[in-house]
Amino acid sequence: MHMRELDTARSRIRRNPEGDAERILGRVIAALEANAGLDMAAVYALDYDNFNLVIDIMRGWWLQRYTGVARNGVARGHGYIEKRNRGDEAPGASPALAPSSPPPT
């Protein structure tokens, strides 16, 4: 995946790898790549420019996944919606968001 926002974040991290904001940017990127949780309190503590960069990265990441751009060889997007409608659990989906089964008759 290639996004201009990721390039911007990685450039900031290379210039100042020990900076607080750059560490948070690195953790955000790592969490997205691992499909893991984010520490939103740390994200909220960022200055305006870095906070907006994180939001832009997350928006771009989501859009690429939703529109079916391949990541790690797995196409995502509308196939995810079709699987979810069949009752299959989507990759990385929370069980709380999974479709409920019909009540017993």
N, C-alpha and C. Protein backbone atom coordinates (compact mmCIF):
# COMPACT_ATOMS: atom_id res chain seq x y z
N MET A 1 0.84 -1.17 0.00
CA MET A 1 0.00 0.00 0.00
C MET A 1 0.89 1.23 0.00
N HIS A 2 0.45 2.21 -0.73
CA HIS A 2 1.22 3.45 -0.78
C HIS A 2 0.26 4.62 -0.64
N MET A 3 0.49 5.41 0.37
CA MET A 3 -0.32 6.61 0.59
C MET A 3 0.62 7.76 0.89
N ARG A 4 0.30 8.91 0.37
CA ARG A 4 1.11 10.10 0.61
C ARG A 4 1.22 10.39 2.11
N GLU A 5 0.14 10.18 2.84
CA GLU A 5 0.15 10.45 4.28
C GLU A 5 1.13 9.54 5.01
N LEU A 6 1.21 8.27 4.59
CA LEU A 6 2.18 7.35 5.20
C LEU A 6 3.59 7.82 4.93
N ASP A 7 3.85 8.28 3.71
CA ASP A 7 5.18 8.80 3.38
C ASP A 7 5.52 9.99 4.27
N THR A 8 4.55 10.87 4.48
CA THR A 8 4.76 12.04 5.34
C THR A 8 5.09 11.61 6.76
N ALA A 9 4.31 10.67 7.30
CA ALA A 9 4.55 10.19 8.66
C ALA A 9 5.91 9.53 8.78
N ARG A 10 6.25 8.68 7.83
CA ARG A 10 7.54 7.98 7.89
C ARG A 10 8.71 8.96 7.76
N SER A 11 8.52 10.00 6.98
CA SER A 11 9.55 11.03 6.85
C SER A 11 9.75 11.75 8.19
N ARG A 12 8.66 12.07 8.85
CA ARG A 12 8.76 12.73 10.17
C ARG A 12 9.44 11.81 11.18
N ILE A 13 9.13 10.53 11.12
CA ILE A 13 9.73 9.57 12.05
C ILE A 13 11.23 9.46 11.80
N ARG A 14 11.64 9.41 10.52
CA ARG A 14 13.07 9.33 10.20
C ARG A 14 13.83 10.56 10.67
N ARG A 15 13.21 11.74 10.54
CA ARG A 15 13.88 12.98 10.95
C ARG A 15 14.04 13.08 12.46
N ASN A 16 13.10 12.53 13.22
CA ASN A 16 13.15 12.66 14.68
C ASN A 16 12.58 11.40 15.33
N PRO A 17 13.31 10.27 15.27
CA PRO A 17 12.77 9.01 15.77
C PRO A 17 12.52 8.97 17.28
N GLU A 18 13.11 9.88 18.01
CA GLU A 18 12.94 9.89 19.47
C GLU A 18 11.85 10.85 19.93
N GLY A 19 11.25 11.58 19.01
CA GLY A 19 10.20 12.54 19.38
C GLY A 19 8.93 11.85 19.84
N ASP A 20 8.21 12.47 20.77
CA ASP A 20 6.97 11.89 21.28
C ASP A 20 5.94 11.70 20.16
N ALA A 21 5.73 12.73 19.36
CA ALA A 21 4.75 12.64 18.28
C ALA A 21 5.15 11.57 17.27
N GLU A 22 6.42 11.49 16.96
CA GLU A 22 6.90 10.51 15.98
C GLU A 22 6.74 9.08 16.50
N ARG A 23 6.93 8.89 17.79
CA ARG A 23 6.71 7.56 18.36
C ARG A 23 5.24 7.16 18.26
N ILE A 24 4.36 8.13 18.51
CA ILE A 24 2.93 7.85 18.39
C ILE A 24 2.57 7.53 16.94
N LEU A 25 3.11 8.32 15.99
CA LEU A 25 2.86 8.04 14.58
C LEU A 25 3.32 6.63 14.23
N GLY A 26 4.47 6.23 14.72
CA GLY A 26 4.98 4.90 14.46
C GLY A 26 4.08 3.82 15.04
N ARG A 27 3.55 4.06 16.24
CA ARG A 27 2.65 3.08 16.86
C ARG A 27 1.33 2.99 16.08
N VAL A 28 0.85 4.11 15.57
CA VAL A 28 -0.38 4.09 14.77
C VAL A 28 -0.18 3.25 13.51
N ILE A 29 0.91 3.49 12.81
CA ILE A 29 1.20 2.74 11.59
C ILE A 29 1.34 1.26 11.90
N ALA A 30 2.07 0.93 12.96
CA ALA A 30 2.27 -0.47 13.34
C ALA A 30 0.94 -1.13 13.70
N ALA A 31 0.08 -0.41 14.40
CA ALA A 31 -1.22 -0.97 14.78
C ALA A 31 -2.09 -1.23 13.55
N LEU A 32 -2.08 -0.32 12.60
CA LEU A 32 -2.86 -0.53 11.38
C LEU A 32 -2.33 -1.71 10.59
N GLU A 33 -1.02 -1.82 10.48
CA GLU A 33 -0.42 -2.93 9.74
C GLU A 33 -0.70 -4.27 10.40
N ALA A 34 -0.80 -4.28 11.73
CA ALA A 34 -1.05 -5.51 12.47
C ALA A 34 -2.54 -5.75 12.74
N ASN A 35 -3.38 -4.82 12.28
CA ASN A 35 -4.81 -4.88 12.56
C ASN A 35 -5.05 -4.98 14.07
N ALA A 36 -4.32 -4.15 14.81
CA ALA A 36 -4.39 -4.14 16.27
C ALA A 36 -5.06 -2.86 16.75
N GLY A 37 -5.28 -2.78 18.04
CA GLY A 37 -5.91 -1.61 18.63
C GLY A 37 -4.97 -0.41 18.69
N LEU A 38 -5.57 0.77 18.81
CA LEU A 38 -4.81 2.02 18.92
C LEU A 38 -5.00 2.63 20.30
N ASP A 39 -3.99 3.30 20.78
CA ASP A 39 -4.09 4.07 22.02
C ASP A 39 -4.61 5.46 21.65
N MET A 40 -5.91 5.62 21.67
CA MET A 40 -6.50 6.88 21.23
C MET A 40 -6.15 8.03 22.17
N ALA A 41 -5.90 7.77 23.43
CA ALA A 41 -5.50 8.85 24.34
C ALA A 41 -4.19 9.47 23.87
N ALA A 42 -3.27 8.65 23.39
CA ALA A 42 -2.01 9.17 22.87
C ALA A 42 -2.25 9.97 21.59
N VAL A 43 -3.14 9.48 20.74
CA VAL A 43 -3.46 10.19 19.50
C VAL A 43 -4.07 11.55 19.82
N TYR A 44 -4.98 11.59 20.80
CA TYR A 44 -5.62 12.85 21.19
C TYR A 44 -4.62 13.85 21.75
N ALA A 45 -3.51 13.37 22.28
CA ALA A 45 -2.50 14.25 22.87
C ALA A 45 -1.61 14.91 21.80
N LEU A 46 -1.71 14.46 20.55
CA LEU A 46 -0.89 15.03 19.49
C LEU A 46 -1.27 16.47 19.20
N ASP A 47 -0.32 17.21 18.63
CA ASP A 47 -0.65 18.57 18.18
C ASP A 47 -1.58 18.46 16.97
N TYR A 48 -2.14 19.58 16.56
CA TYR A 48 -3.15 19.63 15.52
C TYR A 48 -2.67 18.98 14.21
N ASP A 49 -1.49 19.33 13.75
CA ASP A 49 -0.99 18.80 12.47
C ASP A 49 -0.79 17.29 12.51
N ASN A 50 -0.19 16.78 13.58
CA ASN A 50 0.05 15.34 13.68
C ASN A 50 -1.26 14.58 13.90
N PHE A 51 -2.19 15.17 14.66
CA PHE A 51 -3.49 14.54 14.85
C PHE A 51 -4.21 14.40 13.50
N ASN A 52 -4.21 15.47 12.72
CA ASN A 52 -4.84 15.41 11.41
C ASN A 52 -4.14 14.42 10.48
N LEU A 53 -2.83 14.30 10.60
CA LEU A 53 -2.10 13.32 9.81
C LEU A 53 -2.57 11.91 10.16
N VAL A 54 -2.73 11.63 11.45
CA VAL A 54 -3.23 10.31 11.88
C VAL A 54 -4.62 10.07 11.32
N ILE A 55 -5.48 11.07 11.39
CA ILE A 55 -6.84 10.91 10.87
C ILE A 55 -6.79 10.63 9.36
N ASP A 56 -5.95 11.36 8.64
CA ASP A 56 -5.81 11.14 7.20
C ASP A 56 -5.28 9.75 6.89
N ILE A 57 -4.32 9.27 7.68
CA ILE A 57 -3.78 7.93 7.49
C ILE A 57 -4.88 6.90 7.72
N MET A 58 -5.64 7.07 8.80
CA MET A 58 -6.71 6.12 9.10
C MET A 58 -7.79 6.14 8.02
N ARG A 59 -8.13 7.33 7.54
CA ARG A 59 -9.14 7.45 6.48
C ARG A 59 -8.65 6.74 5.20
N GLY A 60 -7.42 7.01 4.81
CA GLY A 60 -6.87 6.37 3.62
C GLY A 60 -6.77 4.86 3.77
N TRP A 61 -6.35 4.42 4.95
CA TRP A 61 -6.23 2.99 5.22
C TRP A 61 -7.60 2.33 5.08
N TRP A 62 -8.61 2.93 5.69
CA TRP A 62 -9.96 2.38 5.65
C TRP A 62 -10.48 2.36 4.21
N LEU A 63 -10.29 3.46 3.48
CA LEU A 63 -10.78 3.52 2.11
C LEU A 63 -10.15 2.44 1.24
N GLN A 64 -8.85 2.22 1.41
CA GLN A 64 -8.19 1.19 0.61
C GLN A 64 -8.73 -0.20 0.96
N ARG A 65 -8.98 -0.45 2.21
CA ARG A 65 -9.54 -1.75 2.61
C ARG A 65 -10.97 -1.89 2.10
N TYR A 66 -11.76 -0.84 2.23
CA TYR A 66 -13.17 -0.90 1.85
C TYR A 66 -13.36 -1.04 0.35
N THR A 67 -12.53 -0.38 -0.41
CA THR A 67 -12.70 -0.42 -1.86
C THR A 67 -12.07 -1.64 -2.50
N GLY A 68 -11.47 -2.53 -1.71
CA GLY A 68 -10.97 -3.79 -2.23
C GLY A 68 -9.54 -3.78 -2.70
N VAL A 69 -8.76 -2.77 -2.33
CA VAL A 69 -7.35 -2.77 -2.69
C VAL A 69 -6.69 -3.92 -1.94
N ALA A 70 -5.88 -4.69 -2.66
CA ALA A 70 -5.24 -5.86 -2.05
C ALA A 70 -4.21 -5.43 -1.03
N ARG A 71 -4.19 -6.10 0.08
CA ARG A 71 -3.19 -5.89 1.13
C ARG A 71 -2.74 -7.27 1.58
N ASN A 72 -1.48 -7.51 1.53
CA ASN A 72 -0.92 -8.83 1.89
C ASN A 72 -1.56 -9.93 1.05
N GLY A 73 -1.88 -9.62 -0.20
CA GLY A 73 -2.41 -10.63 -1.10
C GLY A 73 -3.88 -10.96 -0.89
N VAL A 74 -4.56 -10.25 -0.01
CA VAL A 74 -5.96 -10.55 0.27
C VAL A 74 -6.80 -9.36 -0.15
N ALA A 75 -7.69 -9.57 -1.10
CA ALA A 75 -8.58 -8.48 -1.53
C ALA A 75 -9.66 -8.29 -0.48
N ARG A 76 -9.92 -7.05 -0.16
CA ARG A 76 -10.95 -6.74 0.81
C ARG A 76 -11.97 -5.84 0.12
N GLY A 77 -13.01 -5.55 0.80
CA GLY A 77 -13.99 -4.62 0.25
C GLY A 77 -15.34 -5.27 0.15
N HIS A 78 -15.90 -5.27 -1.04
CA HIS A 78 -17.25 -5.76 -1.20
C HIS A 78 -17.37 -7.24 -0.86
N GLY A 79 -16.30 -8.01 -1.03
CA GLY A 79 -16.32 -9.40 -0.61
C GLY A 79 -16.56 -9.52 0.88
N TYR A 80 -16.03 -8.60 1.63
CA TYR A 80 -16.23 -8.56 3.07
C TYR A 80 -17.71 -8.40 3.37
N ILE A 81 -18.36 -7.50 2.64
CA ILE A 81 -19.78 -7.25 2.88
C ILE A 81 -20.59 -8.50 2.53
N GLU A 82 -20.25 -9.15 1.42
CA GLU A 82 -20.98 -10.35 1.04
C GLU A 82 -20.80 -11.45 2.06
N LYS A 83 -19.58 -11.64 2.56
CA LYS A 83 -19.35 -12.66 3.58
C LYS A 83 -20.14 -12.34 4.84
N ARG A 84 -20.13 -11.07 5.23
CA ARG A 84 -20.82 -10.67 6.45
C ARG A 84 -22.32 -10.92 6.30
N ASN A 85 -22.86 -10.68 5.12
CA ASN A 85 -24.28 -10.90 4.91
C ASN A 85 -24.63 -12.38 4.94
N ARG A 86 -23.67 -13.25 4.63
CA ARG A 86 -23.90 -14.69 4.70
C ARG A 86 -23.75 -15.20 6.12
N GLY A 87 -23.28 -14.33 7.03
CA GLY A 87 -23.11 -14.76 8.41
C GLY A 87 -21.69 -15.14 8.76
N ASP A 88 -20.77 -15.11 7.79
CA ASP A 88 -19.36 -15.40 8.08
C ASP A 88 -18.77 -14.23 8.84
N GLU A 89 -17.85 -14.51 9.75
CA GLU A 89 -17.17 -13.42 10.45
C GLU A 89 -16.13 -12.82 9.52
N ALA A 90 -16.12 -11.51 9.41
CA ALA A 90 -15.15 -10.81 8.58
C ALA A 90 -13.81 -10.77 9.27
N PRO A 91 -12.70 -10.72 8.50
CA PRO A 91 -11.37 -10.65 9.10
C PRO A 91 -11.25 -9.44 10.00
N GLY A 92 -10.88 -9.67 11.25
CA GLY A 92 -10.67 -8.57 12.19
C GLY A 92 -11.95 -7.99 12.75
N ALA A 93 -13.09 -8.57 12.43
CA ALA A 93 -14.35 -8.00 12.91
C ALA A 93 -14.55 -8.34 14.37
N SER A 94 -15.19 -7.46 15.04
CA SER A 94 -15.54 -7.68 16.44
C SER A 94 -16.75 -8.58 16.49
N PRO A 95 -16.76 -9.58 17.40
CA PRO A 95 -17.93 -10.43 17.50
C PRO A 95 -19.19 -9.63 17.82
N ALA A 96 -19.03 -8.51 18.50
CA ALA A 96 -20.19 -7.68 18.83
C ALA A 96 -20.82 -7.09 17.57
N LEU A 97 -20.05 -6.97 16.48
CA LEU A 97 -20.57 -6.41 15.25
C LEU A 97 -21.03 -7.50 14.27
N ALA A 98 -20.80 -8.73 14.62
CA ALA A 98 -21.18 -9.82 13.73
C ALA A 98 -22.70 -9.92 13.67
N PRO A 99 -23.24 -10.36 12.54
CA PRO A 99 -24.69 -10.48 12.45
C PRO A 99 -25.20 -11.47 13.48
N SER A 100 -26.33 -11.16 14.05
CA SER A 100 -26.88 -12.06 15.05
C SER A 100 -27.60 -13.21 14.36
N SER A 101 -27.65 -14.33 15.01
CA SER A 101 -28.36 -15.46 14.44
C SER A 101 -29.85 -15.29 14.71
N PRO A 102 -30.68 -15.86 13.84
CA PRO A 102 -32.12 -15.72 14.05
C PRO A 102 -32.55 -16.44 15.31
N PRO A 103 -33.59 -15.98 15.95
CA PRO A 103 -34.05 -16.64 17.17
C PRO A 103 -34.56 -18.05 16.84
N PRO A 104 -34.41 -18.98 17.78
CA PRO A 104 -34.88 -20.35 17.54
C PRO A 104 -36.40 -20.35 17.36
N THR A 105 -36.86 -21.26 16.52
CA THR A 105 -38.32 -21.34 16.29
C THR A 105 -38.91 -22.58 16.91
